[in-house]
Every structure is written in C-alpha cells, then in structure tokens.
Amino acid sequence: MAYDGFYTLHQVIEMSTMSESTIRRMTEDKLFPPLVHISRGRVGVHKRDFHRWEADPSGYRQSDGPEAEHDKGMQS
C-alpha cells in the first residue's frame, strides 16, 4: 500500500480517536505529525507521517529533515 497524499484532519481524528485539540497540542510538542495546509480551509497530515506515528505513538518524534523545515511554515 502506498502512503502518498494526505489524510484530512477529520480523517485523522476518526482514525486516531483523539480530539482536534489533542492533535494540535501533540503537533506543537512534536509528538504527532505536522499539520499541513492541503487547500483553502483544509488541513491534513501526510499519510506516510501518520502511519509512522501509528506504528509507534509513544516513540514518535517529528523529524528535523528538510521536509520538516518546509512543513513548519504550513502548520495551522
């Protein structure tokens, strides 16, 4: 299965069973994948990042690679 693309924030809430405020707090603390703007008024998470978090939620930390730098300016 390819993990290209995005999950919307609504999909992430459904799959993770966490609230939006918990997801946003964990994102700020770098314990959850960064939120990115998908389109006007729509925020989501890269599928590959979500599945990396899903595989090890307690051990997940946002990477500091070049892609993370790009996404920093897109957090909402």
Protein backbone atom coordinates (compact mmCIF):
# COMPACT_ATOMS: atom_id res chain seq x y z
CA MET A 1 0.00 0.00 0.00
CA ALA A 2 1.36 3.43 -0.96
CA TYR A 3 1.24 6.20 1.58
CA ASP A 4 1.35 9.11 -0.85
CA GLY A 5 -1.00 12.01 -0.29
CA PHE A 6 -2.77 13.31 2.76
CA TYR A 7 -5.37 12.45 5.34
CA THR A 8 -7.65 15.34 6.23
CA LEU A 9 -7.79 16.43 9.85
CA HIS A 10 -11.28 14.94 10.07
CA GLN A 11 -9.96 11.56 8.87
CA VAL A 12 -7.07 11.74 11.33
CA ILE A 13 -9.48 12.44 14.20
CA GLU A 14 -11.57 9.41 13.18
CA MET A 15 -8.57 7.07 12.78
CA SER A 16 -6.70 8.17 15.90
CA THR A 17 -9.79 8.62 18.11
CA MET A 18 -8.17 11.78 19.51
CA SER A 19 -9.77 15.21 19.63
CA GLU A 20 -8.65 18.07 17.40
CA SER A 21 -7.26 19.95 20.40
CA THR A 22 -5.20 16.93 21.48
CA ILE A 23 -3.83 16.50 17.96
CA ARG A 24 -2.92 20.19 17.74
CA ARG A 25 -1.25 20.11 21.18
CA MET A 26 0.72 16.98 20.31
CA THR A 27 1.74 18.57 16.99
CA GLU A 28 3.08 21.62 18.83
CA ASP A 29 5.01 19.31 21.16
CA LYS A 30 6.36 17.43 18.09
CA LEU A 31 4.70 14.22 19.29
CA PHE A 32 2.39 13.99 16.26
CA PRO A 33 2.99 14.58 12.55
CA PRO A 34 2.89 18.21 11.43
CA LEU A 35 -0.38 19.61 10.14
CA VAL A 36 -0.14 20.99 6.61
CA HIS A 37 -2.50 23.11 4.52
CA ILE A 38 -3.98 20.93 1.79
CA SER A 39 -6.16 23.62 0.27
CA ARG A 40 -8.07 26.70 1.36
CA GLY A 41 -9.73 25.83 4.65
CA ARG A 42 -8.47 22.23 4.66
CA VAL A 43 -5.70 20.92 6.90
CA GLY A 44 -4.27 17.44 6.99
CA VAL A 45 -1.33 15.17 7.65
CA HIS A 46 0.95 13.38 5.19
CA LYS A 47 -0.18 9.75 5.08
CA ARG A 48 3.38 8.42 5.45
CA ASP A 49 3.89 10.54 8.60
CA PHE A 50 0.58 9.43 10.10
CA HIS A 51 1.45 5.76 9.56
CA ARG A 52 4.91 6.28 11.06
CA TRP A 53 3.21 7.77 14.16
CA GLU A 54 0.58 4.99 14.16
CA ALA A 55 3.32 2.31 14.20
CA ASP A 56 4.88 3.74 17.39
CA PRO A 57 2.81 6.53 19.00
CA SER A 58 4.84 6.70 22.22
CA GLY A 59 8.17 6.75 20.36
CA TYR A 60 7.21 9.18 17.58
CA ARG A 61 9.07 12.48 17.23
CA GLN A 62 8.83 14.85 14.27
CA SER A 63 11.98 14.65 12.16
CA ASP A 64 14.09 17.73 11.62
CA GLY A 65 14.89 16.93 7.97
CA PRO A 66 14.42 19.28 5.00
CA GLU A 67 10.77 18.29 4.59
CA ALA A 68 10.05 19.16 8.22
CA GLU A 69 11.53 22.62 7.59
CA HIS A 70 9.16 23.07 4.64
CA ASP A 71 6.15 22.00 6.73
CA LYS A 72 6.97 24.29 9.68
CA GLY A 73 5.63 27.31 7.84
CA MET A 74 2.44 25.46 6.98
CA GLN A 75 1.30 24.48 10.49
CA SER A 76 -2.02 25.97 11.49
